[in-house]
N, C-alpha and C. Protein backbone atom coordinates (compact mmCIF):
# COMPACT_ATOMS: atom_id res chain seq x y z
N MET A 1 0.86 -1.13 -0.02
CA MET A 1 0.10 0.05 0.03
C MET A 1 0.95 1.19 0.03
N SER A 2 0.51 2.19 -0.67
CA SER A 2 1.38 3.44 -0.95
C SER A 2 0.95 4.30 0.24
N LEU A 3 1.85 5.26 0.52
CA LEU A 3 1.59 6.30 1.58
C LEU A 3 0.37 6.99 1.31
N ARG A 4 0.22 7.34 0.11
CA ARG A 4 -1.19 8.20 -0.26
C ARG A 4 -2.29 7.36 -0.02
N GLU A 5 -2.31 6.12 -0.32
CA GLU A 5 -3.37 5.25 -0.10
C GLU A 5 -3.70 5.12 1.50
N PHE A 6 -2.60 4.78 2.12
CA PHE A 6 -2.80 4.70 3.50
C PHE A 6 -3.33 6.00 4.18
N ALA A 7 -2.82 7.15 3.68
CA ALA A 7 -3.31 8.46 4.22
C ALA A 7 -4.76 8.62 3.92
N LYS A 8 -5.25 8.15 2.78
CA LYS A 8 -6.54 8.29 2.53
C LYS A 8 -7.48 7.51 3.39
N ILE A 9 -7.08 6.32 3.56
CA ILE A 9 -7.83 5.42 4.51
C ILE A 9 -7.87 6.05 5.88
N ALA A 10 -6.75 6.56 6.36
CA ALA A 10 -6.55 7.10 7.60
C ALA A 10 -7.26 8.56 7.85
N GLY A 11 -7.74 9.07 6.68
CA GLY A 11 -8.41 10.31 6.84
C GLY A 11 -7.42 11.58 7.04
N VAL A 12 -6.14 11.47 6.57
CA VAL A 12 -5.26 12.76 6.81
C VAL A 12 -4.40 12.75 5.55
N THR A 13 -3.78 13.77 5.51
CA THR A 13 -2.89 14.10 4.33
C THR A 13 -1.58 13.07 4.20
N HIS A 14 -1.18 12.84 3.00
CA HIS A 14 0.12 11.94 3.03
C HIS A 14 1.29 12.64 3.60
N THR A 15 1.30 14.04 3.70
CA THR A 15 2.38 14.59 4.33
C THR A 15 2.39 14.48 5.82
N THR A 16 1.13 14.40 6.52
CA THR A 16 0.95 14.11 7.79
C THR A 16 1.64 12.71 8.09
N ILE A 17 1.34 11.71 7.27
CA ILE A 17 1.72 10.32 7.63
C ILE A 17 3.27 10.28 7.29
N ALA A 18 3.67 11.08 6.38
CA ALA A 18 5.24 11.02 6.07
C ALA A 18 5.89 11.72 7.29
N ARG A 19 5.39 12.84 7.84
CA ARG A 19 6.01 13.42 9.03
C ARG A 19 6.10 12.47 10.11
N LEU A 20 4.88 11.77 10.42
CA LEU A 20 4.79 10.75 11.44
C LEU A 20 5.90 9.57 11.30
N GLU A 21 5.95 9.24 10.08
CA GLU A 21 6.93 8.14 9.77
C GLU A 21 8.38 8.57 10.04
N SER A 22 8.58 9.69 9.67
CA SER A 22 10.07 10.22 9.65
C SER A 22 10.49 10.97 11.04
N ASP A 23 9.40 10.89 11.92
CA ASP A 23 9.54 11.41 13.30
C ASP A 23 9.91 13.00 13.28
N THR A 24 9.40 13.77 12.21
CA THR A 24 9.77 15.19 12.21
C THR A 24 8.74 15.94 13.20
N PHE A 25 7.82 15.25 13.78
CA PHE A 25 7.10 15.84 14.72
C PHE A 25 7.69 16.11 16.10
N GLU A 26 8.99 15.61 16.20
CA GLU A 26 9.70 15.59 17.44
C GLU A 26 9.76 17.16 17.94
N THR A 27 9.90 17.99 17.07
CA THR A 27 10.00 19.37 17.38
C THR A 27 8.72 20.16 17.12
N GLN A 28 7.74 19.41 16.60
CA GLN A 28 6.27 20.09 16.34
C GLN A 28 5.41 19.31 17.21
N LYS A 29 4.11 19.98 17.29
CA LYS A 29 3.07 19.50 18.11
C LYS A 29 2.41 18.39 17.28
N VAL A 30 2.03 17.19 17.96
CA VAL A 30 1.10 16.32 17.21
C VAL A 30 -0.26 16.58 17.88
N TYR A 31 -1.23 16.90 17.26
CA TYR A 31 -2.53 17.14 17.78
C TYR A 31 -3.23 15.88 18.01
N LEU A 32 -3.88 15.77 19.17
CA LEU A 32 -4.46 14.56 19.57
C LEU A 32 -5.67 14.27 18.69
N ASP A 33 -6.42 15.38 18.21
CA ASP A 33 -7.57 15.01 17.22
C ASP A 33 -6.96 14.52 15.91
N THR A 34 -5.68 14.68 15.52
CA THR A 34 -5.21 14.09 14.33
C THR A 34 -4.93 12.44 14.70
N LEU A 35 -4.36 12.30 15.73
CA LEU A 35 -4.15 10.91 16.15
C LEU A 35 -5.46 10.23 16.28
N TYR A 36 -6.44 10.84 16.93
CA TYR A 36 -7.78 10.23 17.12
C TYR A 36 -8.41 9.88 15.85
N LEU A 37 -8.34 10.79 14.91
CA LEU A 37 -8.92 10.60 13.57
C LEU A 37 -8.25 9.44 12.90
N ILE A 38 -7.11 9.36 12.97
CA ILE A 38 -6.24 8.18 12.22
C ILE A 38 -6.67 6.88 12.99
N CYS A 39 -6.75 6.90 14.28
CA CYS A 39 -7.25 5.68 15.00
C CYS A 39 -8.64 5.28 14.69
N LYS A 40 -9.55 6.29 14.66
CA LYS A 40 -10.86 6.09 14.40
C LYS A 40 -11.07 5.46 12.92
N ASN A 41 -10.43 6.06 11.88
CA ASN A 41 -10.50 5.61 10.46
C ASN A 41 -9.98 4.28 10.24
N LEU A 42 -8.94 3.87 11.16
CA LEU A 42 -8.36 2.55 11.04
C LEU A 42 -8.92 1.57 11.95
N HIS A 43 -10.01 1.95 12.63
CA HIS A 43 -10.75 1.04 13.59
C HIS A 43 -9.78 0.54 14.66
N TYR A 44 -9.00 1.38 15.15
CA TYR A 44 -8.02 1.09 16.26
C TYR A 44 -8.42 1.80 17.53
N ASP A 45 -8.48 1.28 18.66
CA ASP A 45 -8.78 1.86 19.91
C ASP A 45 -7.83 3.06 20.22
N PHE A 46 -8.27 4.21 20.33
CA PHE A 46 -7.44 5.31 20.61
C PHE A 46 -6.75 5.38 21.84
N TYR A 47 -7.44 4.86 22.95
CA TYR A 47 -6.90 4.75 24.24
C TYR A 47 -5.83 3.67 24.36
N LYS A 48 -6.05 2.64 23.63
CA LYS A 48 -5.10 1.51 23.51
C LYS A 48 -3.79 2.13 22.88
N PHE A 49 -4.00 2.96 21.68
CA PHE A 49 -2.85 3.50 21.03
C PHE A 49 -2.10 4.44 22.04
N LEU A 50 -2.76 5.34 22.81
CA LEU A 50 -2.19 6.25 23.77
C LEU A 50 -1.31 5.38 24.79
N ILE A 51 -1.80 4.42 25.30
CA ILE A 51 -1.05 3.58 26.16
C ILE A 51 0.15 2.97 25.55
N GLU A 52 -0.04 2.37 24.36
CA GLU A 52 1.05 1.73 23.64
C GLU A 52 2.16 2.62 23.37
N THR A 53 1.73 3.87 22.99
CA THR A 53 2.75 4.78 22.49
C THR A 53 3.54 5.55 23.71
N GLY A 54 2.85 5.41 24.94
CA GLY A 54 3.57 5.92 26.08
C GLY A 54 2.91 7.35 26.43
N TYR A 55 1.76 7.79 25.82
CA TYR A 55 1.12 8.91 26.04
C TYR A 55 0.48 8.89 27.33
N LEU A 56 -0.16 7.69 27.76
CA LEU A 56 -0.86 7.43 28.97
C LEU A 56 -0.30 6.13 29.58
N LYS A 57 -0.32 6.14 30.85
CA LYS A 57 -0.15 4.99 31.65
C LYS A 57 -1.55 4.17 31.67
N GLY A 58 -1.39 2.85 31.91
CA GLY A 58 -2.55 2.05 31.99
C GLY A 58 -3.67 2.60 32.84
N SER A 59 -3.35 3.07 34.03
CA SER A 59 -4.29 3.59 34.90
C SER A 59 -4.91 4.96 34.47
N ASP A 60 -4.50 5.60 33.47
CA ASP A 60 -4.93 6.85 33.13
C ASP A 60 -6.04 6.71 32.07
N VAL A 61 -6.36 5.60 31.66
CA VAL A 61 -7.57 5.45 30.78
C VAL A 61 -8.85 5.73 31.32
N THR A 62 -9.02 5.93 32.62
CA THR A 62 -10.14 6.44 33.12
C THR A 62 -10.66 7.81 32.73
N ALA A 63 -9.80 8.54 32.16
CA ALA A 63 -10.07 9.89 31.85
C ALA A 63 -10.84 9.89 30.62
N ALA A 64 -11.91 10.66 30.59
CA ALA A 64 -12.64 11.00 29.43
C ALA A 64 -12.01 11.91 28.42
N PRO A 65 -12.43 11.87 27.11
CA PRO A 65 -11.74 12.63 26.09
C PRO A 65 -11.80 14.16 26.48
N MET A 66 -12.73 14.58 27.06
CA MET A 66 -12.85 16.02 27.49
C MET A 66 -12.34 16.36 28.86
N GLY A 67 -11.55 15.23 29.46
CA GLY A 67 -10.95 15.60 30.66
C GLY A 67 -11.75 15.35 31.94
N GLU A 68 -12.96 14.91 31.70
CA GLU A 68 -13.87 14.62 32.86
C GLU A 68 -13.67 13.10 33.29
N GLY A 69 -13.70 12.84 34.44
CA GLY A 69 -13.53 11.41 34.98
C GLY A 69 -14.81 10.69 34.56
N LEU A 70 -14.56 9.39 34.38
CA LEU A 70 -15.74 8.43 34.11
C LEU A 70 -15.91 7.55 35.30
N THR A 71 -17.11 7.24 35.48
CA THR A 71 -17.39 6.16 36.56
C THR A 71 -17.18 4.80 35.96
N SER A 72 -16.93 3.79 36.94
CA SER A 72 -16.81 2.49 36.47
C SER A 72 -17.91 2.01 35.49
N GLU A 73 -19.06 2.32 35.93
CA GLU A 73 -20.25 2.03 34.97
C GLU A 73 -20.10 2.55 33.55
N GLU A 74 -19.71 3.78 33.57
CA GLU A 74 -19.50 4.50 32.20
C GLU A 74 -18.48 3.87 31.36
N ARG A 75 -17.29 3.59 32.07
CA ARG A 75 -16.19 2.89 31.40
C ARG A 75 -16.59 1.57 30.87
N GLU A 76 -17.46 0.90 31.62
CA GLU A 76 -17.96 -0.43 31.14
C GLU A 76 -18.77 -0.30 29.87
N LEU A 77 -19.72 0.68 29.89
CA LEU A 77 -20.58 1.01 28.72
C LEU A 77 -19.65 1.44 27.56
N LEU A 78 -18.78 2.21 27.82
CA LEU A 78 -17.93 2.66 26.68
C LEU A 78 -17.22 1.52 26.07
N ARG A 79 -16.63 0.58 26.83
CA ARG A 79 -15.89 -0.53 26.36
C ARG A 79 -16.82 -1.39 25.43
N TYR A 80 -18.05 -1.66 25.99
CA TYR A 80 -19.04 -2.42 25.14
C TYR A 80 -19.45 -1.60 23.88
N PHE A 81 -19.72 -0.41 24.02
CA PHE A 81 -20.04 0.40 22.80
C PHE A 81 -19.02 0.44 21.73
N ARG A 82 -17.67 0.56 22.10
CA ARG A 82 -16.74 0.38 21.20
C ARG A 82 -16.57 -0.83 20.27
N GLU A 83 -17.16 -1.94 20.88
CA GLU A 83 -16.99 -3.28 20.21
C GLU A 83 -18.11 -3.36 19.18
N LEU A 84 -19.15 -2.51 19.22
CA LEU A 84 -20.21 -2.56 18.33
C LEU A 84 -19.98 -2.18 16.85
N SER A 85 -20.69 -2.71 15.87
CA SER A 85 -20.54 -2.30 14.55
C SER A 85 -21.05 -0.88 14.38
N PRO A 86 -20.66 -0.13 13.38
CA PRO A 86 -21.22 1.24 13.07
C PRO A 86 -22.61 1.31 13.10
N TYR A 87 -23.29 0.34 12.46
CA TYR A 87 -24.83 0.35 12.48
C TYR A 87 -25.41 0.25 13.93
N LEU A 88 -24.90 -0.65 14.75
CA LEU A 88 -25.39 -0.87 16.02
C LEU A 88 -24.99 0.38 16.97
N LYS A 89 -23.90 0.99 16.65
CA LYS A 89 -23.50 2.15 17.38
C LYS A 89 -24.62 3.36 17.13
N GLY A 90 -25.03 3.44 15.93
CA GLY A 90 -25.95 4.46 15.48
C GLY A 90 -27.32 4.11 16.23
N MET A 91 -27.75 2.85 16.12
CA MET A 91 -28.94 2.41 16.70
C MET A 91 -28.97 2.77 18.30
N THR A 92 -27.80 2.38 18.79
CA THR A 92 -27.62 2.69 20.33
C THR A 92 -27.79 4.03 20.72
N MET A 93 -27.12 4.95 19.80
CA MET A 93 -26.99 6.43 20.22
C MET A 93 -28.56 6.95 20.07
N GLU A 94 -29.26 6.50 18.96
CA GLU A 94 -30.66 6.98 18.96
C GLU A 94 -31.56 6.49 20.25
N ALA A 95 -31.38 5.16 20.53
CA ALA A 95 -32.08 4.76 21.75
C ALA A 95 -31.70 5.57 22.88
N VAL A 96 -30.47 5.70 23.18
CA VAL A 96 -30.01 6.42 24.36
C VAL A 96 -30.50 7.95 24.34
N LYS A 97 -30.44 8.57 23.17
CA LYS A 97 -31.01 9.94 23.15
C LYS A 97 -32.50 9.96 23.59
N SER A 98 -33.29 8.99 23.00
CA SER A 98 -34.66 8.83 23.19
C SER A 98 -34.85 8.55 24.76
N TRP A 99 -34.17 7.74 25.27
CA TRP A 99 -34.35 7.43 26.72
C TRP A 99 -34.01 8.50 27.56
N ALA A 100 -32.96 9.28 27.14
CA ALA A 100 -32.44 10.39 28.03
C ALA A 100 -33.72 11.53 28.00
N LYS A 101 -34.17 11.70 26.76
CA LYS A 101 -35.31 12.75 26.68
C LYS A 101 -36.37 12.20 27.54
N LYS A 102 -36.82 11.05 27.48
CA LYS A 102 -37.94 10.52 28.29
C LYS A 102 -37.69 10.68 29.65
N SER A 103 -36.49 10.40 30.13
CA SER A 103 -36.02 10.35 31.57
C SER A 103 -36.12 11.84 32.00
N GLY A 104 -35.56 12.72 31.12
CA GLY A 104 -35.61 14.07 31.52
C GLY A 104 -37.00 14.70 31.79
N ASP A 105 -37.84 14.27 30.78
CA ASP A 105 -39.36 14.71 30.85
C ASP A 105 -40.00 14.20 32.17
N GLY A 106 -39.74 12.99 32.51
CA GLY A 106 -40.26 12.33 33.78
C GLY A 106 -39.81 12.98 35.05
N GLU A 107 -38.46 13.38 35.07
CA GLU A 107 -38.02 14.06 36.19
C GLU A 107 -38.54 15.45 36.32
N GLN A 108 -38.82 16.20 35.27
CA GLN A 108 -39.44 17.40 35.25
C GLN A 108 -40.86 17.39 35.72
N LYS A 109 -41.66 16.32 35.37
CA LYS A 109 -43.03 16.28 35.86
C LYS A 109 -43.10 15.89 37.31
N LYS A 110 -42.08 15.15 37.87
CA LYS A 110 -42.08 14.91 39.26
C LYS A 110 -41.78 16.15 40.15
N ALA A 111 -41.08 17.16 39.63
CA ALA A 111 -40.73 18.33 40.42
C ALA A 111 -41.82 19.10 40.72
């Protein structure tokens, strides 16, 4: 596979992949959103990548992408969610949105 073909699959430019391969980012910033995009498009777990590359220690995976801590229940749900197919992820998201809305309506009626 050529560098350009790989970059297309990864969702980034071929120059980004070339820089990553040649380690020219050593003096430049590597943006996490770029790394996340590559992992997402290659169907590779982003947190696993961060651990394997030394960005995170194993115990740091409890941190949420936006810096908020996750409960053990939320981490468990996230682990299962990541294993779903794209179709089932979409169905799950729609169901959760619907349930959240109904839950919010019920709480407001009780108040």
